[in-house]
Amino acid sequence: MNSDVALFWVQEAIKVAIMVIGPLLGTALVVGLIVSLFQAITSIQEMTLAFIPKILAIALILLFFSPWMLEILTDFTTGVMNFIPQVSK
């Protein structure tokens, strides 16, 4: 295995990681901004007000997107496992 192949698999792993974590991070960002804006407008500085909506939104997104995430991870893992015999040649 040369460095080009190793670099390809590292790039694929990073792409898969970004694709899988993207919806969760995006949701946390949007909900966090909305809650922060609400706290700034109402002058409520409750710690749980910032934490609970994020957890609920991430859990909802995880429930909705988990089949897609599992498919992406399974496809990547299958590709890696299918490539292993070519490395030992």
PDB file of N, CA and C in Angstrom:
ATOM      1  N   MET A   1       0.852  -1.174   0.000  1.00  0.00           N
ATOM      2  CA  MET A   1       0.000   0.000   0.000  1.00  0.00           C
ATOM      3  C   MET A   1       0.895   1.233   0.000  1.00  0.00           C
ATOM      4  N   ASN A   2       0.688   2.075  -0.970  1.00  0.00           N
ATOM      5  CA  ASN A   2       1.493   3.291  -1.046  1.00  0.00           C
ATOM      6  C   ASN A   2       0.791   4.451  -0.340  1.00  0.00           C
ATOM      7  N   SER A   3       1.434   5.576  -0.322  1.00  0.00           N
ATOM      8  CA  SER A   3       0.899   6.721   0.416  1.00  0.00           C
ATOM      9  C   SER A   3      -0.359   7.291  -0.228  1.00  0.00           C
ATOM     10  N   ASP A   4      -0.511   7.127  -1.544  1.00  0.00           N
ATOM     11  CA  ASP A   4      -1.715   7.631  -2.212  1.00  0.00           C
ATOM     12  C   ASP A   4      -2.956   6.880  -1.739  1.00  0.00           C
ATOM     13  N   VAL A   5      -2.829   5.581  -1.585  1.00  0.00           N
ATOM     14  CA  VAL A   5      -3.958   4.775  -1.123  1.00  0.00           C
ATOM     15  C   VAL A   5      -4.297   5.105   0.327  1.00  0.00           C
ATOM     16  N   ALA A   6      -3.273   5.246   1.142  1.00  0.00           N
ATOM     17  CA  ALA A   6      -3.499   5.596   2.548  1.00  0.00           C
ATOM     18  C   ALA A   6      -4.150   6.963   2.655  1.00  0.00           C
ATOM     19  N   LEU A   7      -3.696   7.911   1.863  1.00  0.00           N
ATOM     20  CA  LEU A   7      -4.284   9.241   1.862  1.00  0.00           C
ATOM     21  C   LEU A   7      -5.731   9.200   1.406  1.00  0.00           C
ATOM     22  N   PHE A   8      -6.036   8.369   0.410  1.00  0.00           N
ATOM     23  CA  PHE A   8      -7.413   8.224  -0.052  1.00  0.00           C
ATOM     24  C   PHE A   8      -8.325   7.742   1.081  1.00  0.00           C
ATOM     25  N   TRP A   9      -7.875   6.724   1.828  1.00  0.00           N
ATOM     26  CA  TRP A   9      -8.728   6.180   2.885  1.00  0.00           C
ATOM     27  C   TRP A   9      -8.859   7.151   4.059  1.00  0.00           C
ATOM     28  N   VAL A  10      -7.840   7.926   4.318  1.00  0.00           N
ATOM     29  CA  VAL A  10      -7.945   8.949   5.363  1.00  0.00           C
ATOM     30  C   VAL A  10      -8.942  10.026   4.936  1.00  0.00           C
ATOM     31  N   GLN A  11      -8.880  10.437   3.667  1.00  0.00           N
ATOM     32  CA  GLN A  11      -9.827  11.430   3.168  1.00  0.00           C
ATOM     33  C   GLN A  11     -11.256  10.903   3.213  1.00  0.00           C
ATOM     34  N   GLU A  12     -11.440   9.638   2.839  1.00  0.00           N
ATOM     35  CA  GLU A  12     -12.775   9.044   2.890  1.00  0.00           C
ATOM     36  C   GLU A  12     -13.287   8.976   4.323  1.00  0.00           C
ATOM     37  N   ALA A  13     -12.423   8.643   5.254  1.00  0.00           N
ATOM     38  CA  ALA A  13     -12.830   8.573   6.660  1.00  0.00           C
ATOM     39  C   ALA A  13     -13.249   9.948   7.176  1.00  0.00           C
ATOM     40  N   ILE A  14     -12.515  10.979   6.780  1.00  0.00           N
ATOM     41  CA  ILE A  14     -12.869  12.338   7.198  1.00  0.00           C
ATOM     42  C   ILE A  14     -14.193  12.761   6.571  1.00  0.00           C
ATOM     43  N   LYS A  15     -14.406  12.437   5.291  1.00  0.00           N
ATOM     44  CA  LYS A  15     -15.672  12.762   4.634  1.00  0.00           C
ATOM     45  C   LYS A  15     -16.838  12.080   5.323  1.00  0.00           C
ATOM     46  N   VAL A  16     -16.673  10.814   5.648  1.00  0.00           N
ATOM     47  CA  VAL A  16     -17.746  10.068   6.313  1.00  0.00           C
ATOM     48  C   VAL A  16     -18.016  10.654   7.692  1.00  0.00           C
ATOM     49  N   ALA A  17     -16.978  10.989   8.422  1.00  0.00           N
ATOM     50  CA  ALA A  17     -17.154  11.577   9.755  1.00  0.00           C
ATOM     51  C   ALA A  17     -17.902  12.900   9.673  1.00  0.00           C
ATOM     52  N   ILE A  18     -17.571  13.728   8.702  1.00  0.00           N
ATOM     53  CA  ILE A  18     -18.255  15.015   8.544  1.00  0.00           C
ATOM     54  C   ILE A  18     -19.707  14.805   8.139  1.00  0.00           C
ATOM     55  N   MET A  19     -19.945  13.850   7.242  1.00  0.00           N
ATOM     56  CA  MET A  19     -21.320  13.584   6.817  1.00  0.00           C
ATOM     57  C   MET A  19     -22.174  13.055   7.961  1.00  0.00           C
ATOM     58  N   VAL A  20     -21.592  12.227   8.808  1.00  0.00           N
ATOM     59  CA  VAL A  20     -22.368  11.629   9.893  1.00  0.00           C
ATOM     60  C   VAL A  20     -22.615  12.634  11.021  1.00  0.00           C
ATOM     61  N   ILE A  21     -21.621  13.423  11.354  1.00  0.00           N
ATOM     62  CA  ILE A  21     -21.750  14.333  12.488  1.00  0.00           C
ATOM     63  C   ILE A  21     -22.368  15.679  12.085  1.00  0.00           C
ATOM     64  N   GLY A  22     -22.387  15.980  10.790  1.00  0.00           N
ATOM     65  CA  GLY A  22     -22.894  17.267  10.316  1.00  0.00           C
ATOM     66  C   GLY A  22     -24.296  17.621  10.763  1.00  0.00           C
ATOM     67  N   PRO A  23     -25.283  16.740  10.558  1.00  0.00           N
ATOM     68  CA  PRO A  23     -26.641  17.091  11.007  1.00  0.00           C
ATOM     69  C   PRO A  23     -26.743  17.333  12.512  1.00  0.00           C
ATOM     70  N   LEU A  24     -25.983  16.590  13.293  1.00  0.00           N
ATOM     71  CA  LEU A  24     -26.038  16.776  14.746  1.00  0.00           C
ATOM     72  C   LEU A  24     -25.412  18.106  15.154  1.00  0.00           C
ATOM     73  N   LEU A  25     -24.254  18.424  14.581  1.00  0.00           N
ATOM     74  CA  LEU A  25     -23.607  19.700  14.913  1.00  0.00           C
ATOM     75  C   LEU A  25     -24.409  20.892  14.408  1.00  0.00           C
ATOM     76  N   GLY A  26     -24.983  20.756  13.222  1.00  0.00           N
ATOM     77  CA  GLY A  26     -25.809  21.834  12.677  1.00  0.00           C
ATOM     78  C   GLY A  26     -27.033  22.097  13.543  1.00  0.00           C
ATOM     79  N   THR A  27     -27.661  21.032  13.983  1.00  0.00           N
ATOM     80  CA  THR A  27     -28.823  21.171  14.853  1.00  0.00           C
ATOM     81  C   THR A  27     -28.444  21.826  16.168  1.00  0.00           C
ATOM     82  N   ALA A  28     -27.353  21.380  16.767  1.00  0.00           N
ATOM     83  CA  ALA A  28     -26.904  21.970  18.034  1.00  0.00           C
ATOM     84  C   ALA A  28     -26.580  23.453  17.855  1.00  0.00           C
ATOM     85  N   LEU A  29     -25.981  23.801  16.723  1.00  0.00           N
ATOM     86  CA  LEU A  29     -25.647  25.204  16.463  1.00  0.00           C
ATOM     87  C   LEU A  29     -26.903  26.056  16.345  1.00  0.00           C
ATOM     88  N   VAL A  30     -27.865  25.602  15.551  1.00  0.00           N
ATOM     89  CA  VAL A  30     -29.087  26.383  15.331  1.00  0.00           C
ATOM     90  C   VAL A  30     -29.889  26.517  16.628  1.00  0.00           C
ATOM     91  N   VAL A  31     -30.075  25.411  17.334  1.00  0.00           N
ATOM     92  CA  VAL A  31     -30.834  25.467  18.586  1.00  0.00           C
ATOM     93  C   VAL A  31     -30.100  26.323  19.617  1.00  0.00           C
ATOM     94  N   GLY A  32     -28.788  26.205  19.684  1.00  0.00           N
ATOM     95  CA  GLY A  32     -28.019  27.030  20.610  1.00  0.00           C
ATOM     96  C   GLY A  32     -28.150  28.512  20.317  1.00  0.00           C
ATOM     97  N   LEU A  33     -28.116  28.871  19.041  1.00  0.00           N
ATOM     98  CA  LEU A  33     -28.284  30.285  18.675  1.00  0.00           C
ATOM     99  C   LEU A  33     -29.677  30.793  19.022  1.00  0.00           C
ATOM    100  N   ILE A  34     -30.684  29.979  18.767  1.00  0.00           N
ATOM    101  CA  ILE A  34     -32.057  30.386  19.079  1.00  0.00           C
ATOM    102  C   ILE A  34     -32.237  30.560  20.585  1.00  0.00           C
ATOM    103  N   VAL A  35     -31.738  29.607  21.356  1.00  0.00           N
ATOM    104  CA  VAL A  35     -31.863  29.701  22.811  1.00  0.00           C
ATOM    105  C   VAL A  35     -31.063  30.887  23.341  1.00  0.00           C
ATOM    106  N   SER A  36     -29.882  31.119  22.814  1.00  0.00           N
ATOM    107  CA  SER A  36     -29.078  32.263  23.256  1.00  0.00           C
ATOM    108  C   SER A  36     -29.767  33.580  22.926  1.00  0.00           C
ATOM    109  N   LEU A  37     -30.365  33.655  21.758  1.00  0.00           N
ATOM    110  CA  LEU A  37     -31.105  34.859  21.398  1.00  0.00           C
ATOM    111  C   LEU A  37     -32.292  35.056  22.333  1.00  0.00           C
ATOM    112  N   PHE A  38     -33.008  33.974  22.639  1.00  0.00           N
ATOM    113  CA  PHE A  38     -34.133  34.051  23.571  1.00  0.00           C
ATOM    114  C   PHE A  38     -33.662  34.496  24.956  1.00  0.00           C
ATOM    115  N   GLN A  39     -32.536  33.956  25.415  1.00  0.00           N
ATOM    116  CA  GLN A  39     -32.009  34.352  26.720  1.00  0.00           C
ATOM    117  C   GLN A  39     -31.569  35.815  26.739  1.00  0.00           C
ATOM    118  N   ALA A  40     -31.001  36.277  25.641  1.00  0.00           N
ATOM    119  CA  ALA A  40     -30.560  37.681  25.588  1.00  0.00           C
ATOM    120  C   ALA A  40     -31.759  38.631  25.580  1.00  0.00           C
ATOM    121  N   ILE A  41     -32.822  38.230  24.885  1.00  0.00           N
ATOM    122  CA  ILE A  41     -34.003  39.089  24.813  1.00  0.00           C
ATOM    123  C   ILE A  41     -34.723  39.147  26.153  1.00  0.00           C
ATOM    124  N   THR A  42     -34.846  37.996  26.815  1.00  0.00           N
ATOM    125  CA  THR A  42     -35.622  37.936  28.054  1.00  0.00           C
ATOM    126  C   THR A  42     -34.770  38.103  29.311  1.00  0.00           C
ATOM    127  N   SER A  43     -33.474  38.192  29.199  1.00  0.00           N
ATOM    128  CA  SER A  43     -32.546  38.314  30.329  1.00  0.00           C
ATOM    129  C   SER A  43     -32.658  37.140  31.300  1.00  0.00           C
ATOM    130  N   ILE A  44     -33.016  35.979  30.797  1.00  0.00           N
ATOM    131  CA  ILE A  44     -33.051  34.762  31.611  1.00  0.00           C
ATOM    132  C   ILE A  44     -31.704  34.074  31.441  1.00  0.00           C
ATOM    133  N   GLN A  45     -31.022  33.826  32.525  1.00  0.00           N
ATOM    134  CA  GLN A  45     -29.701  33.201  32.461  1.00  0.00           C
ATOM    135  C   GLN A  45     -29.712  31.838  33.155  1.00  0.00           C
ATOM    136  N   GLU A  46     -30.654  31.017  32.821  1.00  0.00           N
ATOM    137  CA  GLU A  46     -30.764  29.683  33.388  1.00  0.00           C
ATOM    138  C   GLU A  46     -29.902  28.712  32.584  1.00  0.00           C
ATOM    139  N   MET A  47     -29.055  27.938  33.245  1.00  0.00           N
ATOM    140  CA  MET A  47     -28.144  27.013  32.562  1.00  0.00           C
ATOM    141  C   MET A  47     -28.899  25.889  31.859  1.00  0.00           C
ATOM    142  N   THR A  48     -29.930  25.370  32.498  1.00  0.00           N
ATOM    143  CA  THR A  48     -30.663  24.253  31.890  1.00  0.00           C
ATOM    144  C   THR A  48     -31.449  24.698  30.672  1.00  0.00           C
ATOM    145  N   LEU A  49     -31.783  25.967  30.598  1.00  0.00           N
ATOM    146  CA  LEU A  49     -32.506  26.460  29.432  1.00  0.00           C
ATOM    147  C   LEU A  49     -31.649  26.356  28.177  1.00  0.00           C
ATOM    148  N   ALA A  50     -30.365  26.458  28.311  1.00  0.00           N
ATOM    149  CA  ALA A  50     -29.469  26.324  27.159  1.00  0.00           C
ATOM    150  C   ALA A  50     -29.166  24.863  26.849  1.00  0.00           C
ATOM    151  N   PHE A  51     -29.236  23.994  27.837  1.00  0.00           N
ATOM    152  CA  PHE A  51     -28.799  22.614  27.674  1.00  0.00           C
ATOM    153  C   PHE A  51     -29.931  21.681  27.227  1.00  0.00           C
ATOM    154  N   ILE A  52     -31.081  21.776  27.849  1.00  0.00           N
ATOM    155  CA  ILE A  52     -32.181  20.839  27.597  1.00  0.00           C
ATOM    156  C   ILE A  52     -32.699  20.911  26.161  1.00  0.00           C
ATOM    157  N   PRO A  53     -32.942  22.078  25.574  1.00  0.00           N
ATOM    158  CA  PRO A  53     -33.419  22.097  24.184  1.00  0.00           C
ATOM    159  C   PRO A  53     -32.423  21.493  23.192  1.00  0.00           C
ATOM    160  N   LYS A  54     -31.132  21.711  23.439  1.00  0.00           N
ATOM    161  CA  LYS A  54     -30.116  21.126  22.553  1.00  0.00           C
ATOM    162  C   LYS A  54     -30.157  19.608  22.620  1.00  0.00           C
ATOM    163  N   ILE A  55     -30.237  19.065  23.819  1.00  0.00           N
ATOM    164  CA  ILE A  55     -30.274  17.612  23.985  1.00  0.00           C
ATOM    165  C   ILE A  55     -31.511  17.032  23.315  1.00  0.00           C
ATOM    166  N   LEU A  56     -32.647  17.665  23.505  1.00  0.00           N
ATOM    167  CA  LEU A  56     -33.878  17.160  22.888  1.00  0.00           C
ATOM    168  C   LEU A  56     -33.828  17.247  21.369  1.00  0.00           C
ATOM    169  N   ALA A  57     -33.306  18.344  20.846  1.00  0.00           N
ATOM    170  CA  ALA A  57     -33.212  18.494  19.389  1.00  0.00           C
ATOM    171  C   ALA A  57     -32.232  17.492  18.798  1.00  0.00           C
ATOM    172  N   ILE A  58     -31.104  17.287  19.447  1.00  0.00           N
ATOM    173  CA  ILE A  58     -30.118  16.321  18.945  1.00  0.00           C
ATOM    174  C   ILE A  58     -30.684  14.905  19.007  1.00  0.00           C
ATOM    175  N   ALA A  59     -31.408  14.588  20.079  1.00  0.00           N
ATOM    176  CA  ALA A  59     -32.024  13.256  20.181  1.00  0.00           C
ATOM    177  C   ALA A  59     -33.051  13.048  19.068  1.00  0.00           C
ATOM    178  N   LEU A  60     -33.823  14.082  18.761  1.00  0.00           N
ATOM    179  CA  LEU A  60     -34.819  13.983  17.688  1.00  0.00           C
ATOM    180  C   LEU A  60     -34.145  13.814  16.324  1.00  0.00           C
ATOM    181  N   ILE A  61     -33.104  14.579  16.064  1.00  0.00           N
ATOM    182  CA  ILE A  61     -32.372  14.458  14.802  1.00  0.00           C
ATOM    183  C   ILE A  61     -31.681  13.107  14.706  1.00  0.00           C
ATOM    184  N   LEU A  62     -31.113  12.645  15.809  1.00  0.00           N
ATOM    185  CA  LEU A  62     -30.464  11.333  15.824  1.00  0.00           C
ATOM    186  C   LEU A  62     -31.475  10.226  15.541  1.00  0.00           C
ATOM    187  N   LEU A  63     -32.655  10.349  16.097  1.00  0.00           N
ATOM    188  CA  LEU A  63     -33.706   9.370  15.838  1.00  0.00           C
ATOM    189  C   LEU A  63     -34.128   9.398  14.371  1.00  0.00           C
ATOM    190  N   PHE A  64     -34.211  10.595  13.798  1.00  0.00           N
ATOM    191  CA  PHE A  64     -34.645  10.741  12.415  1.00  0.00           C
ATOM    192  C   PHE A  64     -33.574  10.312  11.413  1.00  0.00           C
ATOM    193  N   PHE A  65     -32.319  10.671  11.674  1.00  0.00           N
ATOM    194  CA  PHE A  65     -31.235  10.420  10.722  1.00  0.00           C
ATOM    195  C   PHE A  65     -30.427   9.154  10.986  1.00  0.00           C
ATOM    196  N   SER A  66     -30.717   8.430  12.050  1.00  0.00           N
ATOM    197  CA  SER A  66     -29.891   7.269  12.379  1.00  0.00           C
ATOM    198  C   SER A  66     -29.880   6.186  11.297  1.00  0.00           C
ATOM    199  N   PRO A  67     -30.978   5.894  10.579  1.00  0.00           N
ATOM    200  CA  PRO A  67     -30.851   4.905   9.492  1.00  0.00           C
ATOM    201  C   PRO A  67     -29.885   5.352   8.397  1.00  0.00           C
ATOM    202  N   TRP A  68     -29.934   6.622   8.043  1.00  0.00           N
ATOM    203  CA  TRP A  68     -29.037   7.148   7.019  1.00  0.00           C
ATOM    204  C   TRP A  68     -27.586   7.105   7.508  1.00  0.00           C
ATOM    205  N   MET A  69     -27.362   7.499   8.764  1.00  0.00           N
ATOM    206  CA  MET A  69     -26.009   7.473   9.320  1.00  0.00           C
ATOM    207  C   MET A  69     -25.465   6.052   9.364  1.00  0.00           C
ATOM    208  N   LEU A  70     -26.307   5.117   9.757  1.00  0.00           N
ATOM    209  CA  LEU A  70     -25.875   3.723   9.814  1.00  0.00           C
ATOM    210  C   LEU A  70     -25.546   3.196   8.426  1.00  0.00           C
ATOM    211  N   GLU A  71     -26.314   3.615   7.421  1.00  0.00           N
ATOM    212  CA  GLU A  71     -26.031   3.190   6.042  1.00  0.00           C
ATOM    213  C   GLU A  71     -24.689   3.744   5.563  1.00  0.00           C
ATOM    214  N   ILE A  72     -24.425   5.006   5.846  1.00  0.00           N
ATOM    215  CA  ILE A  72     -23.153   5.625   5.458  1.00  0.00           C
ATOM    216  C   ILE A  72     -21.981   4.894   6.124  1.00  0.00           C
ATOM    217  N   LEU A  73     -22.085   4.653   7.424  1.00  0.00           N
ATOM    218  CA  LEU A  73     -21.012   3.977   8.147  1.00  0.00           C
ATOM    219  C   LEU A  73     -20.839   2.533   7.678  1.00  0.00           C
ATOM    220  N   THR A  74     -21.944   1.854   7.379  1.00  0.00           N
ATOM    221  CA  THR A  74     -21.863   0.475   6.896  1.00  0.00           C
ATOM    222  C   THR A  74     -21.209   0.413   5.523  1.00  0.00           C
ATOM    223  N   ASP A  75     -21.569   1.335   4.641  1.00  0.00           N
ATOM    224  CA  ASP A  75     -20.954   1.365   3.307  1.00  0.00           C
ATOM    225  C   ASP A  75     -19.447   1.619   3.399  1.00  0.00           C
ATOM    226  N   PHE A  76     -19.049   2.545   4.272  1.00  0.00           N
ATOM    227  CA  PHE A  76     -17.626   2.833   4.435  1.00  0.00           C
ATOM    228  C   PHE A  76     -16.892   1.620   4.992  1.00  0.00           C
ATOM    229  N   THR A  77     -17.459   0.998   6.008  1.00  0.00           N
ATOM    230  CA  THR A  77     -16.824  -0.172   6.609  1.00  0.00           C
ATOM    231  C   THR A  77     -16.715  -1.316   5.612  1.00  0.00           C
ATOM    232  N   THR A  78     -17.756  -1.514   4.816  1.00  0.00           N
ATOM    233  CA  THR A  78     -17.714  -2.553   3.785  1.00  0.00           C
ATOM    234  C   THR A  78     -16.623  -2.256   2.772  1.00  0.00           C
ATOM    235  N   GLY A  79     -16.484  -0.999   2.369  1.00  0.00           N
ATOM    236  CA  GLY A  79     -15.421  -0.626   1.442  1.00  0.00           C
ATOM    237  C   GLY A  79     -14.042  -0.887   2.010  1.00  0.00           C
ATOM    238  N   VAL A  80     -13.853  -0.570   3.286  1.00  0.00           N
ATOM    239  CA  VAL A  80     -12.558  -0.816   3.923  1.00  0.00           C
ATOM    240  C   VAL A  80     -12.276  -2.325   4.004  1.00  0.00           C
ATOM    241  N   MET A  81     -13.285  -3.084   4.419  1.00  0.00           N
ATOM    242  CA  MET A  81     -13.087  -4.537   4.541  1.00  0.00           C
ATOM    243  C   MET A  81     -12.843  -5.201   3.187  1.00  0.00           C
ATOM    244  N   ASN A  82     -13.490  -4.703   2.143  1.00  0.00           N
ATOM    245  CA  ASN A  82     -13.253  -5.253   0.808  1.00  0.00           C
ATOM    246  C   ASN A  82     -11.886  -4.882   0.269  1.00  0.00           C
ATOM    247  N   PHE A  83     -11.304  -3.805   0.760  1.00  0.00           N
ATOM    248  CA  PHE A  83      -9.993  -3.379   0.302  1.00  0.00           C
ATOM    249  C   PHE A  83      -8.842  -4.123   0.990  1.00  0.00           C
ATOM    250  N   ILE A  84      -9.100  -4.684   2.146  1.00  0.00           N
ATOM    251  CA  ILE A  84      -8.040  -5.336   2.936  1.00  0.00           C
ATOM    252  C   ILE A  84      -7.317  -6.436   2.135  1.00  0.00           C
ATOM    253  N   PRO A  85      -7.999  -7.317   1.382  1.00  0.00           N
ATOM    254  CA  PRO A  85      -7.247  -8.329   0.625  1.00  0.00           C
ATOM    255  C   PRO A  85      -6.303  -7.748  -0.427  1.00  0.00           C
ATOM    256  N   GLN A  86      -6.638  -6.575  -0.962  1.00  0.00           N
ATOM    257  CA  GLN A  86      -5.765  -5.959  -1.963  1.00  0.00           C
ATOM    258  C   GLN A  86      -4.470  -5.440  -1.334  1.00  0.00           C
ATOM    259  N   VAL A  87      -4.506  -5.134  -0.057  1.00  0.00           N
ATOM    260  CA  VAL A  87      -3.332  -4.611   0.631  1.00  0.00           C
ATOM    261  C   VAL A  87      -2.293  -5.726   0.812  1.00  0.00           C
ATOM    262  N   SER A  88      -2.757  -6.945   1.034  1.00  0.00           N
ATOM    263  CA  SER A  88      -1.837  -8.038   1.334  1.00  0.00           C
ATOM    264  C   SER A  88      -1.214  -8.668   0.091  1.00  0.00           C
ATOM    265  N   LYS A  89      -1.562  -8.188  -1.081  1.00  0.00           N
ATOM    266  CA  LYS A  89      -0.993  -8.748  -2.320  1.00  0.00           C
ATOM    267  C   LYS A  89       0.435  -8.322  -2.511  1.00  0.00           C
TER     268      LYS A  89
END
